Amino acid sequence: MRLAPWQWLVLLLLLYLVGAEALRLWLDLLWAERLAFLLGALGLWAFINGRFVFAYYHALLASARVRRLPLFSPKPKEHLLVLAPHPDDEVLAAAGLMRRVFGEGGRVSVVYLTSGDAFDLATGSPMPSKEAMRRLALRRMVEAWRGLEALGLPRESAIFLGFPDRGLFQLFTAHYYLPYESPYTGLKAAIYPGVYRPGLPYTGKALEATLVELLKELKPTRVLLPSPLDAHRDHQATAYLGMQAAASLGLEGRLWYYIVHGGYQYPLPKGLHKRLPLYPPPRGRGLPWERFPLTQEEVDLKEKAIRAHRSQMRLLGRFLLAFVRQNELFSPLPVPAKEALAPEEEGWALLEGREVL
């Protein structure tokens, strides 16, 4: 916001009066009163800026653990398949890995389960119509292409399924057989131009069958998907459906996991901090994380790929850019092994000392 000349004059006069009064008070105060004045000013500063100080403290403290994590190494000529619940999840979790695999002669495929057609605020209207939400889906599909192109990947790497945003968990549970109608778009089937199988009904059975079909067709050497510990329901459903599809083909050993919605403001601090490492998320405590260090070029390209999702950057920019760090994190397990958990966390204490019938 630009100030008019008269506003600058008023502001300067106020600063002069405040400064003069503060100086007068300072000269007349005793040393004890001055100390109390300084402590009060420090308390006010901490109240205003405390959350930023805590964010940096938390990030630096947690980041110390990152250096002790084992290294993640992609295989030569790998075919990496990334399951993304929404456009942008793939670049948040694995932009650097996708760039490295493709740059070293491997293949990268990204399957978008939804086109992000339920983020109503991204339309620019507080109460968007169903038609506006469908247009948003098309926009986010284009943004996904641009994000992959920023990494040097061809558009053919993207496979859109067109299932309902904020509806995947319902497909996995109550609507595994019965078609689900999205309250945001009014759709009951995948109809967006360019989807993998147009006309597929919004059912968990159809989605799981499609994932099985793609696994058979693409034959990936590694599949990257969300952990079921992710706080977002769409991410949890993607994990469950992806694991079931892989298990039906005996591909469980090729699954690796990531977390985007990791709990308590993860990752801290918000905003762009390229020199900080990405630390394990609170919701992923106990997982055997492996770190994938990025080159400076990969960090810069990851930022560019994230910024390609302009509809999301407008509202969530500080959250999205917080993933542009010195490394990425992946786990070979979806949930912690029993040995990594405290007994009371998963009910093991109830089973200790009892015979299982």
Protein backbone atom coordinates (compact mmCIF):
# COMPACT_ATOMS: atom_id res chain seq x y z
CA MET A 1 0.00 0.00 0.00
CA ARG A 2 1.47 3.39 -1.06
CA LEU A 3 1.08 6.39 1.26
CA ALA A 4 0.12 9.86 0.10
CA PRO A 5 2.52 12.75 0.94
CA TRP A 6 0.30 14.05 3.72
CA GLN A 7 0.13 10.57 5.22
CA TRP A 8 3.93 10.39 5.28
CA LEU A 9 3.99 13.77 7.05
CA VAL A 10 1.54 12.60 9.72
CA LEU A 11 3.51 9.36 10.19
CA LEU A 12 6.81 11.23 10.62
CA LEU A 13 5.24 13.61 13.15
CA LEU A 14 3.89 10.69 15.18
CA LEU A 15 7.28 8.95 15.13
CA TYR A 16 8.95 12.18 16.27
CA LEU A 17 6.49 12.64 19.15
CA VAL A 18 6.80 9.02 20.27
CA GLY A 19 10.60 9.14 20.09
CA ALA A 20 10.82 12.43 21.98
CA GLU A 21 8.50 11.21 24.74
CA ALA A 22 10.38 7.92 25.05
CA LEU A 23 13.70 9.78 25.36
CA ARG A 24 12.27 12.12 28.02
CA LEU A 25 10.96 9.20 30.04
CA TRP A 26 14.24 7.33 29.69
CA LEU A 27 16.31 10.22 31.06
CA ASP A 28 14.05 10.67 34.08
CA LEU A 29 13.73 6.99 35.01
CA LEU A 30 15.80 5.27 37.68
CA TRP A 31 17.90 2.20 36.74
CA ALA A 32 15.29 -0.21 38.17
CA GLU A 33 12.51 1.49 36.22
CA ARG A 34 14.66 1.38 33.09
CA LEU A 35 15.17 -2.35 33.56
CA ALA A 36 11.43 -2.88 33.96
CA PHE A 37 10.87 -0.77 30.83
CA LEU A 38 13.34 -2.91 28.84
CA LEU A 39 11.77 -6.16 30.08
CA GLY A 40 8.32 -4.90 29.12
CA ALA A 41 9.53 -3.92 25.65
CA LEU A 42 11.21 -7.32 25.26
CA GLY A 43 8.02 -9.07 26.35
CA LEU A 44 5.99 -7.11 23.81
CA TRP A 45 8.50 -8.00 21.06
CA ALA A 46 8.36 -11.69 22.03
CA PHE A 47 4.56 -11.63 22.03
CA ILE A 48 4.52 -10.22 18.50
CA ASN A 49 7.37 -12.29 17.05
CA GLY A 50 7.35 -15.36 19.29
CA ARG A 51 5.75 -17.68 16.76
CA PHE A 52 8.44 -16.86 14.21
CA VAL A 53 11.22 -17.45 16.74
CA PHE A 54 9.62 -20.74 17.79
CA ALA A 55 9.26 -21.80 14.16
CA TYR A 56 12.98 -21.36 13.47
CA TYR A 57 13.94 -22.97 16.77
CA HIS A 58 11.68 -25.96 16.07
CA ALA A 59 12.97 -26.36 12.52
CA LEU A 60 16.65 -26.15 13.46
CA LEU A 61 16.24 -28.53 16.40
CA ALA A 62 14.31 -31.08 14.36
CA SER A 63 16.69 -30.68 11.42
CA ALA A 64 19.57 -31.98 13.51
CA ARG A 65 17.96 -35.41 13.16
CA VAL A 66 18.03 -35.21 9.38
CA ARG A 67 21.81 -35.49 9.16
CA ARG A 68 21.68 -38.86 10.93
CA LEU A 69 19.14 -40.37 8.53
CA PRO A 70 20.32 -42.95 5.98
CA LEU A 71 20.53 -41.87 2.34
CA PHE A 72 17.87 -42.74 -0.22
CA SER A 73 19.30 -43.75 -3.60
CA PRO A 74 17.26 -44.29 -6.79
CA LYS A 75 18.25 -47.23 -8.95
CA PRO A 76 19.80 -46.81 -12.42
CA LYS A 77 17.23 -46.68 -15.24
CA GLU A 78 14.43 -46.68 -12.68
CA HIS A 79 10.77 -46.30 -13.62
CA LEU A 80 9.25 -44.19 -10.87
CA LEU A 81 5.48 -44.07 -10.48
CA VAL A 82 4.12 -41.33 -8.19
CA LEU A 83 0.53 -41.49 -6.91
CA ALA A 84 -0.70 -37.95 -6.24
CA PRO A 85 -4.10 -37.37 -4.58
CA HIS A 86 -4.17 -33.83 -6.06
CA PRO A 87 -2.15 -31.82 -8.55
CA ASP A 88 0.82 -30.34 -6.61
CA ASP A 89 1.32 -33.24 -4.16
CA GLU A 90 3.81 -34.84 -6.55
CA VAL A 91 6.11 -31.80 -6.70
CA LEU A 92 5.84 -31.09 -2.97
CA ALA A 93 6.92 -34.62 -2.10
CA ALA A 94 9.25 -35.64 -4.90
CA ALA A 95 10.08 -32.95 -7.47
CA GLY A 96 13.81 -33.46 -6.89
CA LEU A 97 13.56 -37.24 -7.11
CA MET A 98 11.51 -37.08 -10.32
CA ARG A 99 14.05 -34.71 -11.86
CA ARG A 100 16.98 -36.94 -10.87
CA VAL A 101 15.39 -40.17 -12.15
CA PHE A 102 14.42 -38.63 -15.48
CA GLY A 103 17.75 -36.84 -15.87
CA GLU A 104 19.65 -40.10 -15.37
CA GLY A 105 17.74 -41.86 -18.14
CA GLY A 106 14.90 -43.36 -16.11
CA ARG A 107 11.16 -42.99 -16.59
CA VAL A 108 8.69 -41.04 -14.47
CA SER A 109 4.92 -41.40 -14.44
CA VAL A 110 2.54 -39.41 -12.23
CA VAL A 111 -1.01 -40.62 -11.61
CA TYR A 112 -3.34 -37.90 -10.34
CA LEU A 113 -6.28 -39.53 -8.60
CA THR A 114 -8.25 -36.26 -8.51
CA SER A 115 -7.97 -32.99 -10.39
CA GLY A 116 -8.40 -30.89 -7.25
CA ASP A 117 -11.98 -29.87 -8.02
CA ALA A 118 -13.09 -29.23 -4.42
CA PHE A 119 -10.86 -26.33 -3.36
CA ASP A 120 -13.61 -23.73 -3.64
CA LEU A 121 -11.49 -20.76 -2.48
CA ALA A 122 -9.13 -21.29 -5.42
CA THR A 123 -11.90 -20.26 -7.82
CA GLY A 124 -11.77 -16.69 -6.51
CA SER A 125 -15.40 -16.79 -5.39
CA PRO A 126 -16.72 -17.44 -1.85
CA MET A 127 -19.64 -19.47 -3.21
CA PRO A 128 -18.57 -20.90 -6.59
CA SER A 129 -20.98 -22.76 -8.83
CA LYS A 130 -20.49 -26.40 -9.78
CA GLU A 131 -19.47 -25.25 -13.24
CA ALA A 132 -16.76 -23.04 -11.70
CA MET A 133 -15.43 -26.02 -9.75
CA ARG A 134 -15.24 -28.07 -12.95
CA ARG A 135 -13.33 -25.26 -14.64
CA LEU A 136 -10.96 -25.24 -11.68
CA ALA A 137 -10.24 -28.93 -12.31
CA LEU A 138 -9.22 -28.18 -15.89
CA ARG A 139 -7.03 -25.32 -14.72
CA ARG A 140 -5.27 -27.51 -12.17
CA MET A 141 -4.65 -30.20 -14.78
CA VAL A 142 -2.87 -27.59 -16.93
CA GLU A 143 -0.90 -26.45 -13.89
CA ALA A 144 0.17 -30.06 -13.29
CA TRP A 145 1.52 -30.22 -16.85
CA ARG A 146 3.42 -26.97 -16.34
CA GLY A 147 4.88 -28.21 -13.08
CA LEU A 148 6.21 -31.36 -14.72
CA GLU A 149 7.53 -29.38 -17.68
CA ALA A 150 9.43 -27.15 -15.24
CA LEU A 151 11.29 -30.31 -14.17
CA GLY A 152 11.99 -31.25 -17.77
CA LEU A 153 9.40 -34.02 -17.90
CA PRO A 154 7.07 -34.42 -20.91
CA ARG A 155 3.32 -33.96 -20.58
CA GLU A 156 2.90 -37.66 -21.32
CA SER A 157 4.24 -38.34 -17.82
CA ALA A 158 0.90 -37.15 -16.36
CA ILE A 159 -2.07 -39.53 -16.11
CA PHE A 160 -5.30 -37.99 -14.82
CA LEU A 161 -8.02 -40.24 -13.40
CA GLY A 162 -10.58 -37.51 -12.60
CA PHE A 163 -12.02 -38.94 -9.38
CA PRO A 164 -13.60 -36.57 -6.81
CA ASP A 165 -11.47 -34.28 -4.69
CA ARG A 166 -12.36 -34.59 -0.98
CA GLY A 167 -14.24 -37.75 -1.86
CA LEU A 168 -11.60 -40.47 -2.05
CA PHE A 169 -12.12 -41.61 1.53
CA GLN A 170 -15.84 -41.99 0.87
CA LEU A 171 -14.98 -44.09 -2.18
CA PHE A 172 -12.80 -46.32 -0.03
CA THR A 173 -15.52 -46.78 2.61
CA ALA A 174 -19.24 -46.18 2.02
CA HIS A 175 -18.99 -45.82 -1.76
CA TYR A 176 -16.77 -48.72 -2.69
CA TYR A 177 -19.61 -50.18 -4.78
CA LEU A 178 -22.26 -47.44 -4.78
CA PRO A 179 -21.50 -44.37 -6.97
CA TYR A 180 -20.58 -41.20 -5.13
CA GLU A 181 -21.83 -37.76 -6.18
CA SER A 182 -19.41 -34.92 -5.55
CA PRO A 183 -21.14 -32.06 -3.66
CA TYR A 184 -18.66 -29.65 -5.25
CA THR A 185 -19.05 -30.53 -8.94
CA GLY A 186 -22.26 -32.59 -9.01
CA LEU A 187 -20.42 -35.31 -10.95
CA LYS A 188 -20.84 -39.06 -10.46
CA ALA A 189 -18.26 -40.17 -13.00
CA ALA A 190 -14.90 -39.11 -14.45
CA ILE A 191 -15.74 -36.88 -17.43
CA TYR A 192 -12.91 -34.34 -17.69
CA PRO A 193 -11.18 -34.15 -21.08
CA GLY A 194 -8.00 -36.19 -21.15
CA VAL A 195 -8.74 -38.53 -18.23
CA TYR A 196 -7.39 -42.06 -18.44
CA ARG A 197 -10.77 -43.84 -18.56
CA PRO A 198 -13.65 -41.44 -19.36
CA GLY A 199 -16.96 -42.40 -17.82
CA LEU A 200 -15.65 -44.42 -14.91
CA PRO A 201 -18.15 -44.24 -12.03
CA TYR A 202 -17.09 -42.65 -8.76
CA THR A 203 -16.67 -45.90 -6.83
CA GLY A 204 -13.76 -47.29 -4.88
CA LYS A 205 -13.94 -50.50 -6.88
CA ALA A 206 -13.49 -48.63 -10.18
CA LEU A 207 -10.60 -46.59 -8.78
CA GLU A 208 -8.80 -49.61 -7.36
CA ALA A 209 -9.28 -51.55 -10.60
CA THR A 210 -7.81 -48.62 -12.52
CA LEU A 211 -4.75 -48.54 -10.26
CA VAL A 212 -4.26 -52.29 -10.79
CA GLU A 213 -4.54 -51.77 -14.55
CA LEU A 214 -1.97 -48.98 -14.50
CA LEU A 215 0.47 -51.00 -12.39
CA LYS A 216 0.25 -53.82 -14.93
CA GLU A 217 0.62 -51.46 -17.87
CA LEU A 218 3.43 -49.22 -16.56
CA LYS A 219 5.44 -51.89 -14.72
CA PRO A 220 7.16 -49.41 -12.35
CA THR A 221 10.27 -50.40 -10.44
CA ARG A 222 9.27 -48.10 -7.58
CA VAL A 223 5.90 -46.66 -6.52
CA LEU A 224 5.78 -43.53 -4.38
CA LEU A 225 2.49 -42.87 -2.58
CA PRO A 226 1.22 -41.12 0.57
CA SER A 227 1.57 -42.72 3.96
CA PRO A 228 -1.75 -43.55 5.67
CA LEU A 229 -0.45 -41.39 8.54
CA ASP A 230 -0.97 -38.25 6.45
CA ALA A 231 -3.59 -35.99 8.03
CA HIS A 232 -5.55 -35.44 4.78
CA ARG A 233 -8.33 -37.98 4.15
CA ASP A 234 -7.71 -38.04 0.39
CA HIS A 235 -4.08 -38.91 1.08
CA GLN A 236 -5.09 -41.68 3.47
CA ALA A 237 -7.46 -43.17 0.91
CA THR A 238 -4.78 -42.98 -1.79
CA ALA A 239 -2.49 -44.94 0.53
CA TYR A 240 -5.08 -47.63 1.25
CA LEU A 241 -6.21 -48.06 -2.35
CA GLY A 242 -2.65 -47.96 -3.67
CA MET A 243 -1.46 -50.57 -1.18
CA GLN A 244 -4.39 -52.86 -1.98
CA ALA A 245 -3.76 -52.55 -5.73
CA ALA A 246 -0.05 -53.27 -5.32
CA ALA A 247 -0.69 -56.19 -2.96
CA SER A 248 -3.02 -57.84 -5.49
CA LEU A 249 -0.04 -57.98 -7.89
CA GLY A 250 2.59 -58.86 -5.30
CA LEU A 251 4.32 -55.47 -5.61
CA GLU A 252 4.37 -54.48 -1.94
CA GLY A 253 8.17 -54.42 -1.94
CA ARG A 254 8.21 -51.61 -4.51
CA LEU A 255 6.18 -49.18 -2.40
CA TRP A 256 7.72 -46.10 -0.77
CA TYR A 257 5.84 -43.45 1.16
CA TYR A 258 5.74 -39.68 1.67
CA ILE A 259 3.80 -37.29 3.91
CA VAL A 260 2.62 -33.80 2.93
CA HIS A 261 0.14 -32.98 5.70
CA GLY A 262 2.42 -33.92 8.58
CA GLY A 263 0.79 -32.31 11.61
CA TYR A 264 1.31 -29.11 13.65
CA GLN A 265 2.11 -26.51 10.99
CA TYR A 266 4.48 -28.89 9.20
CA PRO A 267 6.91 -27.94 7.82
CA LEU A 268 8.19 -25.03 9.90
CA PRO A 269 9.11 -22.30 9.27
CA LYS A 270 6.64 -21.41 6.54
CA GLY A 271 7.79 -19.72 3.38
CA LEU A 272 10.84 -20.22 1.18
CA HIS A 273 13.92 -21.45 3.07
CA LYS A 274 16.16 -23.17 0.54
CA ARG A 275 19.08 -23.61 2.91
CA LEU A 276 17.16 -25.51 5.57
CA PRO A 277 16.73 -29.31 5.50
CA LEU A 278 13.29 -30.91 5.46
CA TYR A 279 12.79 -32.71 8.76
CA PRO A 280 10.56 -35.76 9.45
CA PRO A 281 6.93 -34.77 10.06
CA PRO A 282 5.40 -35.18 13.52
CA ARG A 283 2.74 -37.55 12.18
CA GLY A 284 5.52 -39.72 10.73
CA ARG A 285 7.30 -40.26 14.03
CA GLY A 286 8.70 -43.77 14.18
CA LEU A 287 8.89 -44.28 10.43
CA PRO A 288 12.30 -45.35 9.04
CA TRP A 289 12.84 -42.18 7.00
CA GLU A 290 15.56 -41.93 4.39
CA ARG A 291 16.77 -38.58 3.10
CA PHE A 292 17.33 -37.72 -0.53
CA PRO A 293 19.76 -34.76 -0.81
CA LEU A 294 19.08 -32.35 -3.67
CA THR A 295 21.54 -30.40 -5.76
CA GLN A 296 21.13 -26.63 -5.95
CA GLU A 297 19.74 -26.99 -9.47
CA GLU A 298 17.14 -29.49 -8.25
CA VAL A 299 16.14 -27.17 -5.39
CA ASP A 300 15.66 -24.28 -7.83
CA LEU A 301 13.68 -26.42 -10.27
CA LYS A 302 11.48 -27.69 -7.43
CA GLU A 303 10.62 -24.11 -6.54
CA LYS A 304 9.78 -23.40 -10.18
CA ALA A 305 7.59 -26.51 -10.40
CA ILE A 306 5.68 -25.56 -7.25
CA ARG A 307 5.13 -22.01 -8.47
CA ALA A 308 3.57 -23.44 -11.64
CA HIS A 309 0.52 -24.33 -9.48
CA ARG A 310 -0.63 -20.73 -9.47
CA SER A 311 -4.19 -21.40 -8.29
CA GLN A 312 -2.76 -22.90 -5.10
CA MET A 313 0.08 -20.42 -4.65
CA ARG A 314 -2.36 -17.55 -4.33
CA LEU A 315 -3.73 -18.92 -1.05
CA LEU A 316 -1.23 -21.53 0.15
CA GLY A 317 2.04 -20.13 -1.14
CA ARG A 318 3.90 -20.09 2.19
CA PHE A 319 2.87 -23.68 2.91
CA LEU A 320 3.84 -24.95 -0.54
CA LEU A 321 7.19 -23.17 -0.67
CA ALA A 322 8.11 -24.56 2.75
CA PHE A 323 8.80 -27.89 0.98
CA VAL A 324 11.60 -26.34 -1.09
CA ARG A 325 14.45 -27.53 1.10
CA GLN A 326 17.83 -29.24 0.82
CA ASN A 327 16.36 -32.75 0.78
CA GLU A 328 13.24 -34.87 0.38
CA LEU A 329 12.11 -37.66 2.70
CA PHE A 330 10.79 -41.13 1.89
CA SER A 331 9.95 -44.17 4.00
CA PRO A 332 9.91 -47.85 3.00
CA LEU A 333 7.13 -48.50 5.55
CA PRO A 334 3.63 -46.99 5.63
CA VAL A 335 3.39 -47.05 9.43
CA PRO A 336 5.97 -47.60 12.18
CA ALA A 337 6.97 -51.13 13.10
CA LYS A 338 5.80 -52.33 16.52
CA GLU A 339 9.29 -51.95 17.98
CA ALA A 340 9.32 -48.23 17.15
CA LEU A 341 6.12 -47.44 19.06
CA ALA A 342 5.48 -46.96 22.73
CA PRO A 343 3.20 -49.81 23.92
CA GLU A 344 0.33 -47.53 24.86
CA GLU A 345 0.28 -45.83 21.43
CA GLU A 346 -1.18 -48.73 19.47
CA GLY A 347 -2.78 -50.83 22.18
CA TRP A 348 0.12 -53.25 22.51
CA ALA A 349 -0.05 -52.88 26.29
CA LEU A 350 -3.43 -54.60 26.25
CA LEU A 351 -1.98 -57.63 24.49
CA GLU A 352 1.20 -58.02 26.49
CA GLY A 353 1.12 -61.11 28.61
CA ARG A 354 -2.10 -62.41 27.02
CA GLU A 355 -2.53 -65.36 24.73
CA VAL A 356 -4.01 -64.57 21.35
CA LEU A 357 -6.87 -66.95 20.57
